[in-house]
C-alpha atoms as a PDB file:
ATOM      1  CA  MET A   1       0.000   0.000   0.000  1.00  0.00           C
ATOM      2  CA  PHE A   2       2.969   2.353  -0.050  1.00  0.00           C
ATOM      3  CA  CYS A   3       3.380   3.658  -3.571  1.00  0.00           C
ATOM      4  CA  ARG A   4       4.508   6.539  -5.814  1.00  0.00           C
ATOM      5  CA  SER A   5       8.044   5.303  -6.337  1.00  0.00           C
ATOM      6  CA  LEU A   6       8.092   3.749  -2.886  1.00  0.00           C
ATOM      7  CA  TRP A   7       6.305   6.921  -1.797  1.00  0.00           C
ATOM      8  CA  VAL A   8       9.188   8.927  -3.388  1.00  0.00           C
ATOM      9  CA  SER A   9      11.128   8.045  -0.258  1.00  0.00           C
ATOM     10  CA  SER A  10      13.835   5.912  -1.783  1.00  0.00           C
ATOM     11  CA  VAL A  11      15.294   8.866  -3.708  1.00  0.00           C
ATOM     12  CA  ALA A  12      13.857  12.156  -2.494  1.00  0.00           C
ATOM     13  CA  LEU A  13      14.048  11.582   1.235  1.00  0.00           C
ATOM     14  CA  ILE A  14      17.736  10.665   1.085  1.00  0.00           C
ATOM     15  CA  LEU A  15      18.181  14.426   0.727  1.00  0.00           C
ATOM     16  CA  LEU A  16      16.982  14.829   4.298  1.00  0.00           C
ATOM     17  CA  ALA A  17      19.448  12.465   5.959  1.00  0.00           C
ATOM     18  CA  PRO A  18      21.136  14.338   8.833  1.00  0.00           C
ATOM     19  CA  ALA A  19      24.533  12.787   8.015  1.00  0.00           C
ATOM     20  CA  THR A  20      24.563  14.151   4.456  1.00  0.00           C
ATOM     21  CA  PRO A  21      24.936  17.745   3.236  1.00  0.00           C
ATOM     22  CA  LEU A  22      21.703  19.676   2.892  1.00  0.00           C
ATOM     23  CA  LEU A  23      20.118  19.197  -0.517  1.00  0.00           C
ATOM     24  CA  ALA A  24      22.915  16.928  -1.699  1.00  0.00           C
ATOM     25  CA  GLN A  25      23.274  16.591  -5.457  1.00  0.00           C
ATOM     26  CA  SER A  26      20.494  14.368  -6.714  1.00  0.00           C
ATOM     27  CA  LYS A  27      18.379  13.882  -9.774  1.00  0.00           C
ATOM     28  CA  ALA A  28      14.681  14.586  -9.504  1.00  0.00           C
ATOM     29  CA  PRO A  29      12.785  11.562  -8.147  1.00  0.00           C
ATOM     30  CA  ALA A  30      11.899   9.244 -10.980  1.00  0.00           C
ATOM     31  CA  LYS A  31       8.710   7.261 -11.317  1.00  0.00           C
ATOM     32  CA  SER A  32       9.642   3.699 -10.491  1.00  0.00           C
ATOM     33  CA  SER A  33       8.143   0.286 -11.171  1.00  0.00           C
ATOM     34  CA  THR A  34       9.263  -0.903  -7.742  1.00  0.00           C
ATOM     35  CA  ALA A  35       6.417   0.817  -5.934  1.00  0.00           C
ATOM     36  CA  VAL A  36       4.849  -1.442  -3.352  1.00  0.00           C
ATOM     37  CA  GLY A  37       1.077  -1.702  -3.569  1.00  0.00           C
ATOM     38  CA  LYS A  38      -1.312   1.002  -4.740  1.00  0.00           C
ATOM     39  CA  ALA A  39      -3.325   3.452  -2.700  1.00  0.00           C
ATOM     40  CA  PRO A  40      -7.055   3.197  -3.382  1.00  0.00           C
ATOM     41  CA  ALA A  41      -8.776   6.345  -4.570  1.00  0.00           C
ATOM     42  CA  VAL A  42     -10.644   8.231  -1.893  1.00  0.00           C
ATOM     43  CA  PRO A  43     -13.537  10.556  -2.834  1.00  0.00           C
ATOM     44  CA  ALA A  44     -12.694  14.211  -2.362  1.00  0.00           C
ATOM     45  CA  SER A  45     -14.585  16.272   0.146  1.00  0.00           C
ATOM     46  CA  PRO A  46     -17.537  18.057  -1.490  1.00  0.00           C
ATOM     47  CA  SER A  47     -17.198  20.924   0.971  1.00  0.00           C
ATOM     48  CA  GLY A  48     -13.661  21.935   0.082  1.00  0.00           C
ATOM     49  CA  LYS A  49     -13.447  23.874   3.325  1.00  0.00           C
ATOM     50  CA  ALA A  50     -10.855  26.589   3.437  1.00  0.00           C
ATOM     51  CA  MET A  51      -8.207  26.805   6.102  1.00  0.00           C
ATOM     52  CA  SER A  52      -8.229  29.471   8.770  1.00  0.00           C
ATOM     53  CA  PRO A  53      -6.893  33.004   8.244  1.00  0.00           C
ATOM     54  CA  ASN A  54      -3.103  33.333   7.956  1.00  0.00           C
ATOM     55  CA  GLY A  55      -2.934  29.852   6.443  1.00  0.00           C
ATOM     56  CA  MET A  56      -3.026  27.917   9.723  1.00  0.00           C
ATOM     57  CA  PRO A  57      -5.439  24.983   9.682  1.00  0.00           C
ATOM     58  CA  ALA A  58      -8.444  25.542  11.906  1.00  0.00           C
ATOM     59  CA  ALA A  59     -10.145  22.615  13.577  1.00  0.00           C
ATOM     60  CA  PRO A  60     -12.930  21.507  11.191  1.00  0.00           C
ATOM     61  CA  ASP A  61     -16.486  22.312  12.243  1.00  0.00           C
ATOM     62  CA  SER A  62     -17.147  18.765  13.445  1.00  0.00           C
ATOM     63  CA  VAL A  63     -13.983  18.576  15.535  1.00  0.00           C
ATOM     64  CA  VAL A  64     -13.043  20.176  18.833  1.00  0.00           C
ATOM     65  CA  GLY A  65      -9.484  21.239  18.239  1.00  0.00           C
ATOM     66  CA  PRO A  66      -6.886  23.634  19.638  1.00  0.00           C
ATOM     67  CA  LYS A  67      -7.503  27.360  19.444  1.00  0.00           C
ATOM     68  CA  VAL A  68      -5.973  28.900  16.343  1.00  0.00           C
ATOM     69  CA  PRO A  69      -3.418  31.583  17.307  1.00  0.00           C
ATOM     70  CA  GLU A  70      -4.231  35.132  16.277  1.00  0.00           C
ATOM     71  CA  THR A  71      -0.975  37.034  16.859  1.00  0.00           C
ATOM     72  CA  PHE A  72       1.930  37.072  14.431  1.00  0.00           C
ATOM     73  CA  GLU A  73       4.192  35.374  16.963  1.00  0.00           C
ATOM     74  CA  GLY A  74       1.571  32.714  17.690  1.00  0.00           C
ATOM     75  CA  VAL A  75       0.878  31.927  14.038  1.00  0.00           C
ATOM     76  CA  PHE A  76       4.599  31.859  13.236  1.00  0.00           C
ATOM     77  CA  ALA A  77       5.329  29.503  16.164  1.00  0.00           C
ATOM     78  CA  ALA A  78       2.484  27.168  15.183  1.00  0.00           C
ATOM     79  CA  ARG A  79       3.643  27.000  11.578  1.00  0.00           C
ATOM     80  CA  ASP A  80       7.262  26.518  12.629  1.00  0.00           C
ATOM     81  CA  MET A  81       6.182  23.619  14.865  1.00  0.00           C
ATOM     82  CA  ARG A  82       4.581  22.037  11.795  1.00  0.00           C
ATOM     83  CA  ALA A  83       7.849  22.537   9.919  1.00  0.00           C
ATOM     84  CA  GLN A  84       9.823  20.771  12.657  1.00  0.00           C
ATOM     85  CA  ASP A  85       7.306  17.917  12.756  1.00  0.00           C
ATOM     86  CA  ALA A  86       7.402  17.617   8.967  1.00  0.00           C
ATOM     87  CA  LEU A  87      11.200  17.358   8.974  1.00  0.00           C
ATOM     88  CA  ASP A  88      11.122  14.754  11.762  1.00  0.00           C
ATOM     89  CA  TYR A  89       8.489  12.776   9.863  1.00  0.00           C
ATOM     90  CA  LEU A  90      10.479  12.856   6.627  1.00  0.00           C
ATOM     91  CA  ARG A  91      13.703  11.848   8.355  1.00  0.00           C
ATOM     92  CA  CYS A  92      11.885   8.994  10.082  1.00  0.00           C
ATOM     93  CA  MET A  93      10.462   7.836   6.751  1.00  0.00           C
ATOM     94  CA  GLN A  94      13.859   8.121   5.079  1.00  0.00           C
ATOM     95  CA  ALA A  95      15.536   6.069   7.812  1.00  0.00           C
ATOM     96  CA  THR A  96      12.794   3.442   7.706  1.00  0.00           C
ATOM     97  CA  VAL A  97      12.890   3.115   3.920  1.00  0.00           C
ATOM     98  CA  THR A  98      16.694   2.890   3.986  1.00  0.00           C
ATOM     99  CA  ALA A  99      16.499   0.106   6.572  1.00  0.00           C
ATOM    100  CA  LEU A 100      13.910  -1.678   4.445  1.00  0.00           C
ATOM    101  CA  GLN A 101      16.038  -1.448   1.303  1.00  0.00           C
ATOM    102  CA  SER A 102      19.144  -2.678   3.132  1.00  0.00           C
ATOM    103  CA  GLY A 103      17.315  -5.803   4.315  1.00  0.00           C
ATOM    104  CA  ALA A 104      17.532  -4.827   7.987  1.00  0.00           C
ATOM    105  CA  LEU A 105      13.766  -5.274   8.370  1.00  0.00           C
ATOM    106  CA  GLY A 106      13.577  -8.689   6.725  1.00  0.00           C
ATOM    107  CA  GLN A 107      10.807  -9.596   4.324  1.00  0.00           C
ATOM    108  CA  VAL A 108       7.994  -7.041   4.311  1.00  0.00           C
ATOM    109  CA  PRO A 109       4.817  -8.045   2.436  1.00  0.00           C
ATOM    110  CA  ARG A 110       3.729  -5.647  -0.270  1.00  0.00           C
ATOM    111  CA  ALA A 111       0.245  -5.331   1.254  1.00  0.00           C
ATOM    112  CA  TRP A 112       1.493  -3.744   4.485  1.00  0.00           C
ATOM    113  CA  SER A 113       1.195   0.011   4.934  1.00  0.00           C
ATOM    114  CA  ILE A 114       4.020   2.235   6.116  1.00  0.00           C
ATOM    115  CA  THR A 115       3.842   5.422   8.132  1.00  0.00           C
ATOM    116  CA  CYS A 116       5.772   7.315  10.785  1.00  0.00           C
ATOM    117  CA  VAL A 117       4.376   8.449  14.125  1.00  0.00           C
ATOM    118  CA  GLN A 118       5.777  10.189  17.162  1.00  0.00           C
ATOM    119  CA  GLN A 119       5.571   7.983  20.232  1.00  0.00           C
ATOM    120  CA  GLY A 120       6.634   9.874  23.331  1.00  0.00           C
ATOM    121  CA  VAL A 121       9.918  11.607  22.550  1.00  0.00           C
ATOM    122  CA  GLU A 122      10.912   9.436  19.588  1.00  0.00           C
ATOM    123  CA  TRP A 123       9.720   8.801  16.053  1.00  0.00           C
ATOM    124  CA  ARG A 124       9.000   5.322  14.756  1.00  0.00           C
ATOM    125  CA  GLY A 125       8.550   3.956  11.286  1.00  0.00           C
ATOM    126  CA  VAL A 126       5.656   1.514  11.467  1.00  0.00           C
ATOM    127  CA  PHE A 127       4.588  -1.263   9.117  1.00  0.00           C
ATOM    128  CA  GLY A 128       1.102  -2.627   9.611  1.00  0.00           C
ATOM    129  CA  GLU A 129      -1.818  -4.447   8.059  1.00  0.00           C
ATOM    130  CA  LEU A 130      -5.007  -2.417   7.748  1.00  0.00           C
ATOM    131  CA  MET A 131      -8.144  -4.193   8.999  1.00  0.00           C
ATOM    132  CA  ASP A 132     -11.884  -3.544   9.073  1.00  0.00           C
ATOM    133  CA  GLU A 133     -12.241  -4.219  12.788  1.00  0.00           C
ATOM    134  CA  ALA A 134     -10.857  -2.166  15.699  1.00  0.00           C
ATOM    135  CA  PRO A 135      -8.209  -0.879  16.183  1.00  0.00           C
ATOM    136  CA  GLY A 136      -8.082  -0.739  12.378  1.00  0.00           C
ATOM    137  CA  ILE A 137      -4.489  -1.840  11.968  1.00  0.00           C
ATOM    138  CA  ARG A 138      -2.350  -4.791  13.045  1.00  0.00           C
ATOM    139  CA  VAL A 139       1.168  -3.503  13.722  1.00  0.00           C
ATOM    140  CA  HIS A 140       3.877  -5.911  12.554  1.00  0.00           C
ATOM    141  CA  LEU A 141       7.143  -3.953  12.611  1.00  0.00           C
ATOM    142  CA  GLN A 142       8.413  -0.852  14.380  1.00  0.00           C
ATOM    143  CA  TYR A 143      11.656   0.888  13.482  1.00  0.00           C
ATOM    144  CA  ALA A 144      12.516   3.377  16.229  1.00  0.00           C
ATOM    145  CA  LEU A 145      14.918   6.253  15.691  1.00  0.00           C
ATOM    146  CA  ARG A 146      17.069   5.602  18.742  1.00  0.00           C
ATOM    147  CA  LYS A 147      20.690   4.626  19.287  1.00  0.00           C
ATOM    148  CA  ASN A 148      21.367   0.899  18.973  1.00  0.00           C
ATOM    149  CA  ALA A 149      24.293  -1.171  20.245  1.00  0.00           C
ATOM    150  CA  SER A 150      26.508  -0.114  17.333  1.00  0.00           C
ATOM    151  CA  GLY A 151      25.735   3.558  17.823  1.00  0.00           C
ATOM    152  CA  SER A 152      23.533   3.890  14.737  1.00  0.00           C
ATOM    153  CA  ASN A 153      20.290   5.818  14.986  1.00  0.00           C
ATOM    154  CA  GLY A 154      17.663   3.146  14.304  1.00  0.00           C
ATOM    155  CA  MET A 155      16.547  -0.209  15.635  1.00  0.00           C
ATOM    156  CA  LEU A 156      13.665  -2.689  15.525  1.00  0.00           C
ATOM    157  CA  VAL A 157      11.543  -2.560  18.683  1.00  0.00           C
ATOM    158  CA  ARG A 158       8.484  -4.284  20.100  1.00  0.00           C
ATOM    159  CA  ASP A 159       7.470  -1.517  22.503  1.00  0.00           C
ATOM    160  CA  ALA A 160       3.885  -0.453  23.098  1.00  0.00           C
ATOM    161  CA  ILE A 161       2.553   2.032  20.543  1.00  0.00           C
ATOM    162  CA  ASP A 162      -0.607   4.083  20.041  1.00  0.00           C
ATOM    163  CA  THR A 163      -2.302   1.902  17.416  1.00  0.00           C
ATOM    164  CA  ALA A 164      -5.166   4.379  16.986  1.00  0.00           C
ATOM    165  CA  ARG A 165      -2.677   7.059  15.941  1.00  0.00           C
ATOM    166  CA  VAL A 166      -0.865   4.636  13.641  1.00  0.00           C
ATOM    167  CA  ASN A 167      -4.173   3.622  12.044  1.00  0.00           C
ATOM    168  CA  GLY A 168      -5.338   7.197  11.538  1.00  0.00           C
ATOM    169  CA  THR A 169      -2.013   8.364  10.133  1.00  0.00           C
ATOM    170  CA  ALA A 170      -1.676   5.384   7.782  1.00  0.00           C
ATOM    171  CA  ARG A 171      -5.182   5.837   6.392  1.00  0.00           C
ATOM    172  CA  ALA A 172      -4.781   9.603   6.048  1.00  0.00           C
ATOM    173  CA  LEU A 173      -1.573   8.977   4.122  1.00  0.00           C
ATOM    174  CA  LEU A 174      -3.499   6.789   1.678  1.00  0.00           C
ATOM    175  CA  ARG A 175      -5.753   9.784   1.018  1.00  0.00           C
ATOM    176  CA  GLY A 176      -2.696  11.879   0.343  1.00  0.00           C
ATOM    177  CA  LEU A 177      -1.187   9.311  -1.996  1.00  0.00           C
ATOM    178  CA  ALA A 178      -4.439   9.130  -3.962  1.00  0.00           C
ATOM    179  CA  ALA A 179      -4.817  12.905  -4.355  1.00  0.00           C
ATOM    180  CA  PRO A 180      -3.694  14.753  -7.500  1.00  0.00           C
ATOM    181  CA  LEU A 181      -0.321  16.393  -7.073  1.00  0.00           C
ATOM    182  CA  PRO A 182      -0.447  20.144  -6.415  1.00  0.00           C
ATOM    183  CA  GLN A 183       0.437  22.483  -9.274  1.00  0.00           C
ATOM    184  CA  GLY A 184      -0.462  19.862 -11.873  1.00  0.00           C
ATOM    185  CA  GLY A 185       2.524  17.636 -11.111  1.00  0.00           C
ATOM    186  CA  GLN A 186       5.091  20.191 -12.318  1.00  0.00           C
ATOM    187  CA  VAL A 187       7.191  19.484  -9.226  1.00  0.00           C
ATOM    188  CA  GLU A 188       7.560  16.309  -7.163  1.00  0.00           C
ATOM    189  CA  PHE A 189       5.689  16.583  -3.874  1.00  0.00           C
ATOM    190  CA  VAL A 190       5.607  14.370  -0.795  1.00  0.00           C
ATOM    191  CA  PRO A 191       2.601  13.931   1.500  1.00  0.00           C
ATOM    192  CA  VAL A 192       3.370  14.289   5.203  1.00  0.00           C
ATOM    193  CA  ALA A 193       0.787  12.901   7.637  1.00  0.00           C
ATOM    194  CA  LEU A 194       0.767  14.544  11.082  1.00  0.00           C
ATOM    195  CA  ALA A 195      -1.646  13.522  13.845  1.00  0.00           C
ATOM    196  CA  GLN A 196      -3.268  16.442  15.684  1.00  0.00           C
ATOM    197  CA  THR A 197      -5.809  16.639  18.511  1.00  0.00           C
ATOM    198  CA  GLY A 198      -9.055  15.309  17.057  1.00  0.00           C
ATOM    199  CA  PHE A 199      -7.938  15.093  13.417  1.00  0.00           C
ATOM    200  CA  THR A 200      -4.994  14.284  11.152  1.00  0.00           C
ATOM    201  CA  GLU A 201      -3.309  16.602   8.668  1.00  0.00           C
ATOM    202  CA  VAL A 202      -1.806  15.600   5.339  1.00  0.00           C
ATOM    203  CA  TRP A 203       0.547  18.303   4.112  1.00  0.00           C
ATOM    204  CA  PHE A 204       1.966  18.333   0.588  1.00  0.00           C
ATOM    205  CA  LEU A 205       5.479  19.752   0.432  1.00  0.00           C
ATOM    206  CA  PRO A 206       7.762  20.167  -2.592  1.00  0.00           C
ATOM    207  CA  VAL A 207      10.763  17.846  -2.617  1.00  0.00           C
ATOM    208  CA  PRO A 208      14.085  19.729  -2.692  1.00  0.00           C
ATOM    209  CA  GLY A 209      16.279  18.929  -5.676  1.00  0.00           C
ATOM    210  CA  ASN A 210      19.864  20.141  -5.556  1.00  0.00           C
ATOM    211  CA  PRO A 211      21.327  23.447  -4.346  1.00  0.00           C
ATOM    212  CA  SER A 212      20.710  25.047  -7.732  1.00  0.00           C
ATOM    213  CA  ARG A 213      17.024  24.061  -7.801  1.00  0.00           C
ATOM    214  CA  VAL A 214      15.217  24.642  -4.517  1.00  0.00           C
ATOM    215  CA  VAL A 215      11.436  24.888  -4.741  1.00  0.00           C
ATOM    216  CA  VAL A 216       9.013  26.464  -2.277  1.00  0.00           C
ATOM    217  CA  GLY A 217       5.292  27.076  -2.579  1.00  0.00           C
ATOM    218  CA  GLY A 218       2.498  24.800  -3.694  1.00  0.00           C
ATOM    219  CA  ASP A 219       1.829  23.903  -0.056  1.00  0.00           C
ATOM    220  CA  SER A 220      -1.489  22.097   0.221  1.00  0.00           C
ATOM    221  CA  LEU A 221      -3.346  20.621   3.174  1.00  0.00           C
ATOM    222  CA  ILE A 222      -6.001  17.949   3.620  1.00  0.00           C
ATOM    223  CA  GLN A 223      -7.641  17.477   7.010  1.00  0.00           C
ATOM    224  CA  MET A 224      -8.853  13.976   7.838  1.00  0.00           C
ATOM    225  CA  SER A 225     -10.776  12.581  10.795  1.00  0.00           C
ATOM    226  CA  SER A 226      -8.573  11.114  13.514  1.00  0.00           C
ATOM    227  CA  ASP A 227      -9.285   7.591  12.227  1.00  0.00           C
ATOM    228  CA  GLY A 228      -8.292   8.624   8.701  1.00  0.00           C
ATOM    229  CA  MET A 229     -11.651   7.585   7.227  1.00  0.00           C
ATOM    230  CA  ARG A 230     -13.299  10.940   6.444  1.00  0.00           C
ATOM    231  CA  GLU A 231     -12.058  14.077   4.771  1.00  0.00           C
ATOM    232  CA  LEU A 232     -12.921  17.144   6.838  1.00  0.00           C
ATOM    233  CA  GLY A 233     -11.392  19.930   4.787  1.00  0.00           C
ATOM    234  CA  HIS A 234      -9.072  20.689   1.910  1.00  0.00           C
ATOM    235  CA  SER A 235      -7.116  23.810   0.931  1.00  0.00           C
ATOM    236  CA  ARG A 236      -8.923  25.714  -1.798  1.00  0.00           C
ATOM    237  CA  SER A 237      -5.776  27.256  -3.228  1.00  0.00           C
ATOM    238  CA  THR A 238      -2.017  26.909  -3.016  1.00  0.00           C
ATOM    239  CA  PRO A 239       0.725  29.543  -3.116  1.00  0.00           C
ATOM    240  CA  ALA A 240       2.663  29.928  -6.339  1.00  0.00           C
ATOM    241  CA  LEU A 241       5.760  27.824  -6.883  1.00  0.00           C
ATOM    242  CA  ARG A 242       9.109  29.584  -6.723  1.00  0.00           C
ATOM    243  CA  GLN A 243      12.473  28.157  -7.679  1.00  0.00           C
ATOM    244  CA  PHE A 244      15.794  29.543  -6.522  1.00  0.00           C
ATOM    245  CA  ALA A 245      19.306  28.487  -5.612  1.00  0.00           C
ATOM    246  CA  ILE A 246      20.950  27.904  -2.257  1.00  0.00           C
ATOM    247  CA  ALA A 247      24.589  28.898  -2.530  1.00  0.00           C
ATOM    248  CA  PRO A 248      25.675  30.257   0.851  1.00  0.00           C
ATOM    249  CA  THR A 249      28.976  32.097   0.707  1.00  0.00           C
ATOM    250  CA  SER A 250      28.898  33.340   4.297  1.00  0.00           C
ATOM    251  CA  PRO A 251      27.865  32.033   7.750  1.00  0.00           C
ATOM    252  CA  THR A 252      24.382  33.453   7.113  1.00  0.00           C
ATOM    253  CA  TYR A 253      21.714  32.243   4.707  1.00  0.00           C
ATOM    254  CA  THR A 254      18.719  34.417   3.810  1.00  0.00           C
ATOM    255  CA  LEU A 255      15.472  33.193   2.253  1.00  0.00           C
ATOM    256  CA  ASP A 256      13.312  35.978   0.829  1.00  0.00           C
ATOM    257  CA  SER A 257       9.626  35.133   1.178  1.00  0.00           C
ATOM    258  CA  LYS A 258       6.849  36.660  -0.915  1.00  0.00           C
ATOM    259  CA  GLU A 259       4.457  36.470   2.055  1.00  0.00           C
ATOM    260  CA  ASP A 260       3.364  39.600   3.873  1.00  0.00           C
ATOM    261  CA  ARG A 261       3.954  38.451   7.481  1.00  0.00           C
ATOM    262  CA  VAL A 262       4.255  34.694   8.077  1.00  0.00           C
ATOM    263  CA  PRO A 263       6.442  32.473   5.822  1.00  0.00           C
ATOM    264  CA  LEU A 264       5.051  29.414   4.063  1.00  0.00           C
ATOM    265  CA  LEU A 265       5.481  26.011   5.658  1.00  0.00           C
ATOM    266  CA  SER A 266       7.744  24.950   2.780  1.00  0.00           C
ATOM    267  CA  GLU A 267       9.907  28.033   3.367  1.00  0.00           C
ATOM    268  CA  LEU A 268      10.315  27.253   7.068  1.00  0.00           C
ATOM    269  CA  VAL A 269      11.208  23.654   6.225  1.00  0.00           C
ATOM    270  CA  ILE A 270      13.977  24.867   3.899  1.00  0.00           C
ATOM    271  CA  ALA A 271      15.157  27.385   6.497  1.00  0.00           C
ATOM    272  CA  ARG A 272      15.440  24.731   9.209  1.00  0.00           C
ATOM    273  CA  MET A 273      17.239  22.412   6.813  1.00  0.00           C
ATOM    274  CA  ALA A 274      19.640  25.239   5.984  1.00  0.00           C
ATOM    275  CA  LEU A 275      20.869  25.229   9.587  1.00  0.00           C
ATOM    276  CA  GLY A 276      22.742  22.086   8.566  1.00  0.00           C
ATOM    277  CA  MET A 277      24.827  24.275   6.245  1.00  0.00           C
ATOM    278  CA  VAL A 278      25.187  27.580   8.080  1.00  0.00           C
ATOM    279  CA  PRO A 279      24.932  28.655  11.740  1.00  0.00           C
ATOM    280  CA  GLU A 280      22.351  31.385  11.098  1.00  0.00           C
ATOM    281  CA  VAL A 281      19.340  31.658   8.784  1.00  0.00           C
ATOM    282  CA  HIS A 282      17.040  34.560   7.988  1.00  0.00           C
ATOM    283  CA  VAL A 283      13.543  34.328   6.529  1.00  0.00           C
ATOM    284  CA  ARG A 284      12.373  37.715   5.319  1.00  0.00           C
ATOM    285  CA  THR A 285       8.732  38.491   4.638  1.00  0.00           C
ATOM    286  CA  ASN A 286       7.434  41.921   3.665  1.00  0.00           C
ATOM    287  CA  GLN A 287       7.052  42.935   7.305  1.00  0.00           C
ATOM    288  CA  TYR A 288       9.538  40.851   9.306  1.00  0.00           C
ATOM    289  CA  ASP A 289      13.070  39.504   9.283  1.00  0.00           C
ATOM    290  CA  SER A 290      12.913  36.255  11.287  1.00  0.00           C
ATOM    291  CA  ILE A 291      16.269  34.931  12.488  1.00  0.00           C
ATOM    292  CA  LEU A 292      17.199  31.484  13.811  1.00  0.00           C
ATOM    293  CA  THR A 293      20.635  30.295  14.936  1.00  0.00           C
ATOM    294  CA  ARG A 294      21.978  26.881  15.904  1.00  0.00           C
ATOM    295  CA  SER A 295      22.650  28.124  19.418  1.00  0.00           C
ATOM    296  CA  SER A 296      19.060  29.261  19.990  1.00  0.00           C
ATOM    297  CA  SER A 297      15.836  27.253  19.906  1.00  0.00           C
ATOM    298  CA  ALA A 298      13.678  30.352  19.392  1.00  0.00           C
ATOM    299  CA  TRP A 299      13.244  32.643  16.396  1.00  0.00           C
ATOM    300  CA  LYS A 300      13.968  36.338  16.753  1.00  0.00           C
ATOM    301  CA  HIS A 301      11.605  38.601  14.805  1.00  0.00           C
ATOM    302  CA  VAL A 302      12.733  42.053  13.685  1.00  0.00           C
ATOM    303  CA  LYS A 303      10.218  44.482  12.198  1.00  0.00           C
ATOM    304  CA  ARG A 304      11.360  45.666   8.766  1.00  0.00           C
END
């Protein structure tokens, strides 16, 4: 059930490996015949509900969710938290797919689903078999991102896990895999499934290519019920795609955003990835210069 060139993980997500340079030289992800399974089509939501103001997803009408922040600082922090979660999810998926391809996970049936969830303080790549009865999924393998005996960051575990979250995330990911690619497929995108309170989000983010071809924009969001069975809302529009180069020649990297106040999720993802190359990054919108350094966990916002 994991598809689209092994969910574009086998090539695109290698770019996110912490041990490799940011946006290492790579060809664009190719469509592959080695995809495992095929995601069934899921009917789109007839409502097409829009997201909340400032681009942050509001809890759908039928869900009691967290209060949407209203201040600039609050919206920025919420979006940046999504960016951190998205990076952690992608790195978890990359590590899990790499372990699968190396044979470290043994034989994995093609019918099993794959997803990544945060369990406590760690992320785990989970393989499971979707079922009709509760809890909706039978977990077979867990690959935890933790230090093993050899010092590598990844190991098979049999620890307890929130199967409801795994089920909801895996099913929401199927919805993402079945959806048309944003921007008409001009750029390779990856769906990122993140469990929230009362619902699950599926974000579509552009896959970075190489330092001379970085893409931002096209961010799209689908909201699913917490069990991943019903679509609750879908972005009505996506920001325009922009392509530019990352070629830092100093200890500081600056990303110029076209947004008025709060950067796009894809821009914050690139900015956080850039900290692997330089000690300080700036993201400049029309109104703010937001600065993050390796030595600080908090952004500093300077009015322009």
